[in-house]
């Protein structure tokens, strides 16, 4: 039971760390990826957007980024937990 508890602890810690890192990394990446480009040089960029749709899109992408970060962190934490338990034996 001790090995299972150790592995789950490492996986949970990795998931929390991954979600935290994703919360910091994903918003700047989203703003860069969705930035409008200058179509005509020398002219200001003109945009019209549907604000509710934009908010849904941005929050959906942020939550998806957090889920991916948590999953990657959980896998990395599980791998570290396996290495930790094997080294302890």
C-alpha atoms as a PDB file:
ATOM      1  CA  UNK A   1       0.000   0.000   0.000  1.00  0.00           C
ATOM      2  CA  UNK A   2       2.931   2.332   0.623  1.00  0.00           C
ATOM      3  CA  UNK A   3       4.080   2.142  -3.005  1.00  0.00           C
ATOM      4  CA  UNK A   4       0.608   2.996  -4.304  1.00  0.00           C
ATOM      5  CA  UNK A   5       0.340   5.911  -1.896  1.00  0.00           C
ATOM      6  CA  UNK A   6       3.747   7.226  -2.991  1.00  0.00           C
ATOM      7  CA  UNK A   7       2.865   6.939  -6.693  1.00  0.00           C
ATOM      8  CA  UNK A   8      -0.481   8.688  -6.222  1.00  0.00           C
ATOM      9  CA  UNK A   9       1.177  11.451  -4.196  1.00  0.00           C
ATOM     10  CA  UNK A  10       3.750  12.075  -6.929  1.00  0.00           C
ATOM     11  CA  UNK A  11       1.062  11.989  -9.650  1.00  0.00           C
ATOM     12  CA  UNK A  12      -1.160  14.454  -7.753  1.00  0.00           C
ATOM     13  CA  UNK A  13       1.755  16.797  -7.068  1.00  0.00           C
ATOM     14  CA  UNK A  14       2.725  16.657 -10.741  1.00  0.00           C
ATOM     15  CA  UNK A  15      -0.851  17.360 -11.852  1.00  0.00           C
ATOM     16  CA  UNK A  16      -1.111  20.383  -9.556  1.00  0.00           C
ATOM     17  CA  UNK A  17       2.265  21.689 -10.717  1.00  0.00           C
ATOM     18  CA  UNK A  18       1.333  21.140 -14.370  1.00  0.00           C
ATOM     19  CA  UNK A  19      -1.975  22.990 -14.003  1.00  0.00           C
ATOM     20  CA  UNK A  20      -0.231  25.864 -12.225  1.00  0.00           C
ATOM     21  CA  UNK A  21       2.433  26.166 -14.914  1.00  0.00           C
ATOM     22  CA  UNK A  22      -0.245  26.017 -17.628  1.00  0.00           C
ATOM     23  CA  UNK A  23      -2.172  28.831 -15.917  1.00  0.00           C
ATOM     24  CA  UNK A  24       0.911  31.020 -16.258  1.00  0.00           C
ATOM     25  CA  UNK A  25       2.065  29.903 -19.727  1.00  0.00           C
ATOM     26  CA  UNK A  26      -1.197  29.510 -21.684  1.00  0.00           C
ATOM     27  CA  UNK A  27      -2.610  33.106 -21.547  1.00  0.00           C
ATOM     28  CA  UNK A  28       0.460  34.714 -23.200  1.00  0.00           C
ATOM     29  CA  UNK A  29       0.540  31.959 -25.807  1.00  0.00           C
ATOM     30  CA  UNK A  30      -3.161  32.480 -26.552  1.00  0.00           C
ATOM     31  CA  UNK A  31      -2.707  36.226 -26.921  1.00  0.00           C
ATOM     32  CA  UNK A  32       0.245  35.712 -29.267  1.00  0.00           C
ATOM     33  CA  UNK A  33      -1.497  33.008 -31.302  1.00  0.00           C
ATOM     34  CA  UNK A  34      -4.703  35.024 -31.714  1.00  0.00           C
ATOM     35  CA  UNK A  35      -3.099  38.428 -32.376  1.00  0.00           C
ATOM     36  CA  UNK A  36      -4.363  40.165 -35.470  1.00  0.00           C
ATOM     37  CA  UNK A  37      -1.899  40.815 -38.248  1.00  0.00           C
ATOM     38  CA  UNK A  38      -1.456  43.997 -40.215  1.00  0.00           C
ATOM     39  CA  UNK A  39      -3.086  43.423 -43.591  1.00  0.00           C
ATOM     40  CA  UNK A  40      -2.102  46.767 -45.095  1.00  0.00           C
ATOM     41  CA  UNK A  41       1.263  48.211 -43.990  1.00  0.00           C
ATOM     42  CA  UNK A  42       1.013  51.664 -42.451  1.00  0.00           C
ATOM     43  CA  UNK A  43      -2.688  51.369 -41.613  1.00  0.00           C
ATOM     44  CA  UNK A  44      -4.048  50.538 -38.158  1.00  0.00           C
ATOM     45  CA  UNK A  45      -5.507  47.085 -37.699  1.00  0.00           C
ATOM     46  CA  UNK A  46      -9.295  47.180 -37.773  1.00  0.00           C
ATOM     47  CA  UNK A  47     -11.142  44.368 -36.051  1.00  0.00           C
ATOM     48  CA  UNK A  48     -14.671  43.588 -35.056  1.00  0.00           C
ATOM     49  CA  UNK A  49     -15.384  40.746 -32.701  1.00  0.00           C
ATOM     50  CA  UNK A  50     -18.248  39.051 -30.927  1.00  0.00           C
ATOM     51  CA  UNK A  51     -17.224  39.506 -27.277  1.00  0.00           C
ATOM     52  CA  UNK A  52     -19.270  36.625 -25.757  1.00  0.00           C
ATOM     53  CA  UNK A  53     -17.901  34.215 -28.378  1.00  0.00           C
ATOM     54  CA  UNK A  54     -14.369  35.501 -27.782  1.00  0.00           C
ATOM     55  CA  UNK A  55     -14.706  34.993 -24.019  1.00  0.00           C
ATOM     56  CA  UNK A  56     -16.036  31.442 -24.490  1.00  0.00           C
ATOM     57  CA  UNK A  57     -13.212  30.661 -26.910  1.00  0.00           C
ATOM     58  CA  UNK A  58     -10.494  32.067 -24.635  1.00  0.00           C
ATOM     59  CA  UNK A  59     -11.753  30.366 -21.477  1.00  0.00           C
ATOM     60  CA  UNK A  60     -12.233  27.055 -23.321  1.00  0.00           C
ATOM     61  CA  UNK A  61      -8.636  27.223 -24.555  1.00  0.00           C
ATOM     62  CA  UNK A  62      -7.315  28.177 -21.108  1.00  0.00           C
ATOM     63  CA  UNK A  63      -9.122  25.290 -19.438  1.00  0.00           C
ATOM     64  CA  UNK A  64      -7.921  22.914 -22.158  1.00  0.00           C
ATOM     65  CA  UNK A  65      -4.371  24.134 -21.565  1.00  0.00           C
ATOM     66  CA  UNK A  66      -4.753  23.522 -17.839  1.00  0.00           C
ATOM     67  CA  UNK A  67      -6.080  20.005 -18.444  1.00  0.00           C
ATOM     68  CA  UNK A  68      -3.180  19.216 -20.773  1.00  0.00           C
ATOM     69  CA  UNK A  69      -0.713  20.675 -18.262  1.00  0.00           C
ATOM     70  CA  UNK A  70      -2.253  18.702 -15.404  1.00  0.00           C
ATOM     71  CA  UNK A  71      -2.148  15.490 -17.456  1.00  0.00           C
ATOM     72  CA  UNK A  72       1.465  16.015 -18.457  1.00  0.00           C
ATOM     73  CA  UNK A  73       2.366  16.843 -14.864  1.00  0.00           C
ATOM     74  CA  UNK A  74       0.581  13.741 -13.593  1.00  0.00           C
ATOM     75  CA  UNK A  75       2.453  11.526 -16.061  1.00  0.00           C
ATOM     76  CA  UNK A  76       5.771  13.159 -15.166  1.00  0.00           C
ATOM     77  CA  UNK A  77       5.005  12.858 -11.453  1.00  0.00           C
ATOM     78  CA  UNK A  78       4.048   9.220 -11.869  1.00  0.00           C
ATOM     79  CA  UNK A  79       7.325   8.554 -13.688  1.00  0.00           C
ATOM     80  CA  UNK A  80       9.242  10.277 -10.899  1.00  0.00           C
ATOM     81  CA  UNK A  81       7.296   8.251  -8.342  1.00  0.00           C
ATOM     82  CA  UNK A  82       8.174   4.991 -10.085  1.00  0.00           C
ATOM     83  CA  UNK A  83      11.842   6.014 -10.203  1.00  0.00           C
ATOM     84  CA  UNK A  84      11.698   7.042  -6.526  1.00  0.00           C
ATOM     85  CA  UNK A  85      10.162   3.752  -5.351  1.00  0.00           C
ATOM     86  CA  UNK A  86      12.573   1.651  -7.421  1.00  0.00           C
ATOM     87  CA  UNK A  87      15.561   3.562  -6.093  1.00  0.00           C
ATOM     88  CA  UNK A  88      14.332   3.169  -2.503  1.00  0.00           C
ATOM     89  CA  UNK A  89      14.181  -0.606  -2.851  1.00  0.00           C
END
